[in-house]
Every structure is written in C-alpha cells, then in structure tokens.
Amino acid sequence: MVSLEETVKNIKPLIDDLDRMVWLAKRNSLEPDDGLTTNESAAIHLYTMQWSNPEKSLYIQLNRTLRNE
C-alpha cells in the first residue's frame, strides 16, 4: 500500500500547505476505529478538512479542477 505522502506528492505544488495538512490528517487518524488503515483514514480526513482559507481546502480545489476538465 502506498503512503498518503506518496499519494499526494504530484499535487503538492498545486495545493498550499499540503504537507502540514497531511501531517494533521495522519495525526488525527492514528488508531481508526473503523477498520481502515491510518493512511486510508487520513486520506478521507484530508479530503474533508477545511483549511484556514476555505477556498484553499483540498476538496474545493480538486472539485473545481474536475469541473473544469
């Protein structure tokens, strides 16, 4: 299985503060109760997290990009 850090490496230049948010997501997902791995749980957490500037949030930027494709 690929780590979350490895998974997001290609979008790091596009998303502000991604390293810190990945770290926070993993820190908040150390022992998931739902049977997911830390990386799986952190990926969901990362996608749903809201950055201090909501327009910079991962889900906002990914969804905007997908709509523009």
PDB file of N, CA and C in Angstrom:
ATOM      1  N   MET A   1       0.842  -1.176   0.000  1.00  0.00           N
ATOM      2  CA  MET A   1       0.000   0.000   0.000  1.00  0.00           C
ATOM      3  C   MET A   1       0.893   1.247   0.000  1.00  0.00           C
ATOM      4  N   VAL A   2       0.461   2.246  -0.711  1.00  0.00           N
ATOM      5  CA  VAL A   2       1.210   3.495  -0.837  1.00  0.00           C
ATOM      6  C   VAL A   2       0.821   4.435   0.305  1.00  0.00           C
ATOM      7  N   SER A   3       1.801   5.145   0.837  1.00  0.00           N
ATOM      8  CA  SER A   3       1.519   6.092   1.918  1.00  0.00           C
ATOM      9  C   SER A   3       0.755   7.301   1.381  1.00  0.00           C
ATOM     10  N   LEU A   4       0.112   8.002   2.273  1.00  0.00           N
ATOM     11  CA  LEU A   4      -0.607   9.215   1.885  1.00  0.00           C
ATOM     12  C   LEU A   4       0.364  10.252   1.332  1.00  0.00           C
ATOM     13  N   GLU A   5       1.528  10.360   1.939  1.00  0.00           N
ATOM     14  CA  GLU A   5       2.536  11.313   1.451  1.00  0.00           C
ATOM     15  C   GLU A   5       2.926  11.014   0.005  1.00  0.00           C
ATOM     16  N   GLU A   6       3.093   9.738  -0.299  1.00  0.00           N
ATOM     17  CA  GLU A   6       3.442   9.330  -1.663  1.00  0.00           C
ATOM     18  C   GLU A   6       2.280   9.601  -2.618  1.00  0.00           C
ATOM     19  N   THR A   7       1.080   9.370  -2.150  1.00  0.00           N
ATOM     20  CA  THR A   7      -0.111   9.559  -2.978  1.00  0.00           C
ATOM     21  C   THR A   7      -0.284  11.006  -3.420  1.00  0.00           C
ATOM     22  N   VAL A   8       0.010  11.948  -2.537  1.00  0.00           N
ATOM     23  CA  VAL A   8      -0.241  13.361  -2.850  1.00  0.00           C
ATOM     24  C   VAL A   8       0.978  14.094  -3.407  1.00  0.00           C
ATOM     25  N   LYS A   9       2.085  13.399  -3.589  1.00  0.00           N
ATOM     26  CA  LYS A   9       3.320  14.099  -3.982  1.00  0.00           C
ATOM     27  C   LYS A   9       3.181  14.874  -5.293  1.00  0.00           C
ATOM     28  N   ASN A  10       2.396  14.381  -6.232  1.00  0.00           N
ATOM     29  CA  ASN A  10       2.269  15.067  -7.520  1.00  0.00           C
ATOM     30  C   ASN A  10       1.420  16.333  -7.460  1.00  0.00           C
ATOM     31  N   ILE A  11       0.590  16.450  -6.441  1.00  0.00           N
ATOM     32  CA  ILE A  11      -0.237  17.661  -6.341  1.00  0.00           C
ATOM     33  C   ILE A  11       0.310  18.660  -5.326  1.00  0.00           C
ATOM     34  N   LYS A  12       1.407  18.319  -4.670  1.00  0.00           N
ATOM     35  CA  LYS A  12       1.993  19.232  -3.675  1.00  0.00           C
ATOM     36  C   LYS A  12       2.234  20.637  -4.215  1.00  0.00           C
ATOM     37  N   PRO A  13       2.739  20.784  -5.442  1.00  0.00           N
ATOM     38  CA  PRO A  13       2.966  22.147  -5.942  1.00  0.00           C
ATOM     39  C   PRO A  13       1.666  22.937  -6.169  1.00  0.00           C
ATOM     40  N   LEU A  14       0.560  22.240  -6.237  1.00  0.00           N
ATOM     41  CA  LEU A  14      -0.713  22.887  -6.555  1.00  0.00           C
ATOM     42  C   LEU A  14      -1.548  23.254  -5.335  1.00  0.00           C
ATOM     43  N   ILE A  15      -1.268  22.638  -4.204  1.00  0.00           N
ATOM     44  CA  ILE A  15      -2.104  22.796  -3.012  1.00  0.00           C
ATOM     45  C   ILE A  15      -1.283  23.418  -1.890  1.00  0.00           C
ATOM     46  N   ASP A  16      -1.678  24.607  -1.468  1.00  0.00           N
ATOM     47  CA  ASP A  16      -0.978  25.289  -0.378  1.00  0.00           C
ATOM     48  C   ASP A  16      -1.073  24.497   0.918  1.00  0.00           C
ATOM     49  N   ASP A  17       0.025  24.421   1.634  1.00  0.00           N
ATOM     50  CA  ASP A  17       0.055  23.859   2.984  1.00  0.00           C
ATOM     51  C   ASP A  17      -0.268  22.364   3.037  1.00  0.00           C
ATOM     52  N   LEU A  18      -0.067  21.669   1.927  1.00  0.00           N
ATOM     53  CA  LEU A  18      -0.458  20.262   1.859  1.00  0.00           C
ATOM     54  C   LEU A  18       0.329  19.383   2.828  1.00  0.00           C
ATOM     55  N   ASP A  19       1.624  19.609   2.945  1.00  0.00           N
ATOM     56  CA  ASP A  19       2.424  18.781   3.862  1.00  0.00           C
ATOM     57  C   ASP A  19       1.902  18.862   5.293  1.00  0.00           C
ATOM     58  N   ARG A  20       1.614  20.063   5.734  1.00  0.00           N
ATOM     59  CA  ARG A  20       1.116  20.242   7.103  1.00  0.00           C
ATOM     60  C   ARG A  20      -0.253  19.587   7.279  1.00  0.00           C
ATOM     61  N   MET A  21      -1.096  19.714   6.278  1.00  0.00           N
ATOM     62  CA  MET A  21      -2.431  19.137   6.382  1.00  0.00           C
ATOM     63  C   MET A  21      -2.385  17.605   6.337  1.00  0.00           C
ATOM     64  N   VAL A  22      -1.472  17.047   5.565  1.00  0.00           N
ATOM     65  CA  VAL A  22      -1.284  15.592   5.558  1.00  0.00           C
ATOM     66  C   VAL A  22      -0.828  15.142   6.941  1.00  0.00           C
ATOM     67  N   TRP A  23       0.109  15.875   7.513  1.00  0.00           N
ATOM     68  CA  TRP A  23       0.599  15.541   8.853  1.00  0.00           C
ATOM     69  C   TRP A  23      -0.547  15.578   9.868  1.00  0.00           C
ATOM     70  N   LEU A  24      -1.363  16.631   9.813  1.00  0.00           N
ATOM     71  CA  LEU A  24      -2.500  16.733  10.736  1.00  0.00           C
ATOM     72  C   LEU A  24      -3.497  15.600  10.531  1.00  0.00           C
ATOM     73  N   ALA A  25      -3.789  15.299   9.286  1.00  0.00           N
ATOM     74  CA  ALA A  25      -4.745  14.225   8.987  1.00  0.00           C
ATOM     75  C   ALA A  25      -4.238  12.892   9.521  1.00  0.00           C
ATOM     76  N   LYS A  26      -2.955  12.622   9.337  1.00  0.00           N
ATOM     77  CA  LYS A  26      -2.399  11.361   9.836  1.00  0.00           C
ATOM     78  C   LYS A  26      -2.360  11.345  11.358  1.00  0.00           C
ATOM     79  N   ARG A  27      -2.041  12.468  11.949  1.00  0.00           N
ATOM     80  CA  ARG A  27      -2.011  12.558  13.412  1.00  0.00           C
ATOM     81  C   ARG A  27      -3.399  12.306  14.005  1.00  0.00           C
ATOM     82  N   ASN A  28      -4.420  12.769  13.311  1.00  0.00           N
ATOM     83  CA  ASN A  28      -5.792  12.582  13.782  1.00  0.00           C
ATOM     84  C   ASN A  28      -6.365  11.216  13.406  1.00  0.00           C
ATOM     85  N   SER A  29      -5.581  10.405  12.719  1.00  0.00           N
ATOM     86  CA  SER A  29      -6.068   9.107  12.245  1.00  0.00           C
ATOM     87  C   SER A  29      -5.160   7.961  12.679  1.00  0.00           C
ATOM     88  N   LEU A  30      -4.491   8.117  13.794  1.00  0.00           N
ATOM     89  CA  LEU A  30      -3.508   7.118  14.215  1.00  0.00           C
ATOM     90  C   LEU A  30      -4.120   5.763  14.546  1.00  0.00           C
ATOM     91  N   GLU A  31      -5.265   5.758  15.170  1.00  0.00           N
ATOM     92  CA  GLU A  31      -5.900   4.499  15.553  1.00  0.00           C
ATOM     93  C   GLU A  31      -7.376   4.522  15.155  1.00  0.00           C
ATOM     94  N   PRO A  32      -7.654   4.420  13.853  1.00  0.00           N
ATOM     95  CA  PRO A  32      -9.050   4.482  13.421  1.00  0.00           C
ATOM     96  C   PRO A  32      -9.862   3.312  13.970  1.00  0.00           C
ATOM     97  N   ASP A  33     -11.085   3.597  14.355  1.00  0.00           N
ATOM     98  CA  ASP A  33     -11.976   2.578  14.919  1.00  0.00           C
ATOM     99  C   ASP A  33     -12.791   1.858  13.850  1.00  0.00           C
ATOM    100  N   ASP A  34     -12.618   2.245  12.603  1.00  0.00           N
ATOM    101  CA  ASP A  34     -13.484   1.735  11.546  1.00  0.00           C
ATOM    102  C   ASP A  34     -12.865   0.629  10.705  1.00  0.00           C
ATOM    103  N   GLY A  35     -11.709   0.121  11.118  1.00  0.00           N
ATOM    104  CA  GLY A  35     -11.065  -0.955  10.377  1.00  0.00           C
ATOM    105  C   GLY A  35     -10.190  -0.478   9.229  1.00  0.00           C
ATOM    106  N   LEU A  36     -10.163   0.824   8.993  1.00  0.00           N
ATOM    107  CA  LEU A  36      -9.303   1.370   7.946  1.00  0.00           C
ATOM    108  C   LEU A  36      -7.876   1.481   8.463  1.00  0.00           C
ATOM    109  N   THR A  37      -6.934   1.532   7.540  1.00  0.00           N
ATOM    110  CA  THR A  37      -5.557   1.803   7.941  1.00  0.00           C
ATOM    111  C   THR A  37      -5.431   3.289   8.262  1.00  0.00           C
ATOM    112  N   THR A  38      -4.327   3.653   8.883  1.00  0.00           N
ATOM    113  CA  THR A  38      -4.077   5.067   9.172  1.00  0.00           C
ATOM    114  C   THR A  38      -4.078   5.885   7.889  1.00  0.00           C
ATOM    115  N   ASN A  39      -3.426   5.374   6.841  1.00  0.00           N
ATOM    116  CA  ASN A  39      -3.372   6.108   5.574  1.00  0.00           C
ATOM    117  C   ASN A  39      -4.749   6.249   4.933  1.00  0.00           C
ATOM    118  N   GLU A  40      -5.556   5.203   4.984  1.00  0.00           N
ATOM    119  CA  GLU A  40      -6.903   5.273   4.411  1.00  0.00           C
ATOM    120  C   GLU A  40      -7.764   6.285   5.165  1.00  0.00           C
ATOM    121  N   SER A  41      -7.722   6.193   6.469  1.00  0.00           N
ATOM    122  CA  SER A  41      -8.499   7.115   7.291  1.00  0.00           C
ATOM    123  C   SER A  41      -8.009   8.552   7.111  1.00  0.00           C
ATOM    124  N   ALA A  42      -6.700   8.726   7.059  1.00  0.00           N
ATOM    125  CA  ALA A  42      -6.124  10.062   6.885  1.00  0.00           C
ATOM    126  C   ALA A  42      -6.478  10.647   5.519  1.00  0.00           C
ATOM    127  N   ALA A  43      -6.563   9.817   4.496  1.00  0.00           N
ATOM    128  CA  ALA A  43      -6.931  10.303   3.163  1.00  0.00           C
ATOM    129  C   ALA A  43      -8.349  10.876   3.175  1.00  0.00           C
ATOM    130  N   ILE A  44      -9.252  10.185   3.826  1.00  0.00           N
ATOM    131  CA  ILE A  44     -10.631  10.684   3.942  1.00  0.00           C
ATOM    132  C   ILE A  44     -10.644  11.966   4.762  1.00  0.00           C
ATOM    133  N   HIS A  45      -9.920  11.945   5.844  1.00  0.00           N
ATOM    134  CA  HIS A  45      -9.842  13.121   6.715  1.00  0.00           C
ATOM    135  C   HIS A  45      -9.263  14.317   5.952  1.00  0.00           C
ATOM    136  N   LEU A  46      -8.191  14.078   5.216  1.00  0.00           N
ATOM    137  CA  LEU A  46      -7.549  15.150   4.445  1.00  0.00           C
ATOM    138  C   LEU A  46      -8.521  15.749   3.434  1.00  0.00           C
ATOM    139  N   TYR A  47      -9.252  14.901   2.739  1.00  0.00           N
ATOM    140  CA  TYR A  47     -10.194  15.386   1.724  1.00  0.00           C
ATOM    141  C   TYR A  47     -11.289  16.248   2.340  1.00  0.00           C
ATOM    142  N   THR A  48     -11.709  15.916   3.540  1.00  0.00           N
ATOM    143  CA  THR A  48     -12.827  16.637   4.156  1.00  0.00           C
ATOM    144  C   THR A  48     -12.391  17.792   5.056  1.00  0.00           C
ATOM    145  N   MET A  49     -11.090  17.935   5.284  1.00  0.00           N
ATOM    146  CA  MET A  49     -10.602  19.025   6.144  1.00  0.00           C
ATOM    147  C   MET A  49     -10.830  20.378   5.485  1.00  0.00           C
ATOM    148  N   GLN A  50     -11.085  21.364   6.317  1.00  0.00           N
ATOM    149  CA  GLN A  50     -11.203  22.724   5.811  1.00  0.00           C
ATOM    150  C   GLN A  50      -9.969  23.512   6.231  1.00  0.00           C
ATOM    151  N   TRP A  51      -9.274  24.061   5.256  1.00  0.00           N
ATOM    152  CA  TRP A  51      -8.100  24.886   5.520  1.00  0.00           C
ATOM    153  C   TRP A  51      -8.569  26.191   6.178  1.00  0.00           C
ATOM    154  N   SER A  52      -7.631  26.954   6.727  1.00  0.00           N
ATOM    155  CA  SER A  52      -7.997  28.236   7.343  1.00  0.00           C
ATOM    156  C   SER A  52      -8.636  29.162   6.308  1.00  0.00           C
ATOM    157  N   ASN A  53      -8.173  29.084   5.080  1.00  0.00           N
ATOM    158  CA  ASN A  53      -8.834  29.755   3.963  1.00  0.00           C
ATOM    159  C   ASN A  53      -9.613  28.666   3.219  1.00  0.00           C
ATOM    160  N   PRO A  54     -10.922  28.609   3.386  1.00  0.00           N
ATOM    161  CA  PRO A  54     -11.706  27.509   2.809  1.00  0.00           C
ATOM    162  C   PRO A  54     -11.493  27.302   1.314  1.00  0.00           C
ATOM    163  N   GLU A  55     -11.224  28.347   0.583  1.00  0.00           N
ATOM    164  CA  GLU A  55     -11.007  28.210  -0.861  1.00  0.00           C
ATOM    165  C   GLU A  55      -9.744  27.424  -1.189  1.00  0.00           C
ATOM    166  N   LYS A  56      -8.860  27.274  -0.221  1.00  0.00           N
ATOM    167  CA  LYS A  56      -7.619  26.521  -0.420  1.00  0.00           C
ATOM    168  C   LYS A  56      -7.763  25.061  -0.006  1.00  0.00           C
ATOM    169  N   SER A  57      -8.908  24.685   0.550  1.00  0.00           N
ATOM    170  CA  SER A  57      -9.131  23.312   1.003  1.00  0.00           C
ATOM    171  C   SER A  57      -8.990  22.338  -0.162  1.00  0.00           C
ATOM    172  N   LEU A  58      -8.485  21.165   0.147  1.00  0.00           N
ATOM    173  CA  LEU A  58      -8.233  20.161  -0.882  1.00  0.00           C
ATOM    174  C   LEU A  58      -9.496  19.826  -1.667  1.00  0.00           C
ATOM    175  N   TYR A  59     -10.595  19.576  -0.977  1.00  0.00           N
ATOM    176  CA  TYR A  59     -11.810  19.181  -1.689  1.00  0.00           C
ATOM    177  C   TYR A  59     -12.324  20.292  -2.598  1.00  0.00           C
ATOM    178  N   ILE A  60     -12.186  21.538  -2.188  1.00  0.00           N
ATOM    179  CA  ILE A  60     -12.616  22.664  -3.037  1.00  0.00           C
ATOM    180  C   ILE A  60     -11.764  22.706  -4.304  1.00  0.00           C
ATOM    181  N   GLN A  61     -10.458  22.604  -4.131  1.00  0.00           N
ATOM    182  CA  GLN A  61      -9.560  22.694  -5.281  1.00  0.00           C
ATOM    183  C   GLN A  61      -9.689  21.489  -6.211  1.00  0.00           C
ATOM    184  N   LEU A  62      -9.815  20.295  -5.652  1.00  0.00           N
ATOM    185  CA  LEU A  62      -9.979  19.114  -6.502  1.00  0.00           C
ATOM    186  C   LEU A  62     -11.298  19.159  -7.266  1.00  0.00           C
ATOM    187  N   ASN A  63     -12.359  19.501  -6.579  1.00  0.00           N
ATOM    188  CA  ASN A  63     -13.664  19.557  -7.245  1.00  0.00           C
ATOM    189  C   ASN A  63     -13.696  20.641  -8.317  1.00  0.00           C
ATOM    190  N   ARG A  64     -13.084  21.775  -8.040  1.00  0.00           N
ATOM    191  CA  ARG A  64     -13.017  22.850  -9.034  1.00  0.00           C
ATOM    192  C   ARG A  64     -12.258  22.374 -10.274  1.00  0.00           C
ATOM    193  N   THR A  65     -11.148  21.708 -10.055  1.00  0.00           N
ATOM    194  CA  THR A  65     -10.339  21.207 -11.171  1.00  0.00           C
ATOM    195  C   THR A  65     -11.113  20.170 -11.978  1.00  0.00           C
ATOM    196  N   LEU A  66     -11.793  19.268 -11.296  1.00  0.00           N
ATOM    197  CA  LEU A  66     -12.568  18.244 -12.005  1.00  0.00           C
ATOM    198  C   LEU A  66     -13.705  18.859 -12.820  1.00  0.00           C
ATOM    199  N   ARG A  67     -14.334  19.884 -12.293  1.00  0.00           N
ATOM    200  CA  ARG A  67     -15.416  20.549 -13.032  1.00  0.00           C
ATOM    201  C   ARG A  67     -14.894  21.253 -14.277  1.00  0.00           C
ATOM    202  N   ASN A  68     -13.655  21.709 -14.217  1.00  0.00           N
ATOM    203  CA  ASN A  68     -13.072  22.434 -15.348  1.00  0.00           C
ATOM    204  C   ASN A  68     -12.515  21.514 -16.426  1.00  0.00           C
ATOM    205  N   GLU A  69     -12.455  20.236 -16.153  1.00  0.00           N
ATOM    206  CA  GLU A  69     -11.911  19.276 -17.135  1.00  0.00           C
ATOM    207  C   GLU A  69     -12.927  18.968 -18.206  1.00  0.00           C
TER     208      GLU A  69
END
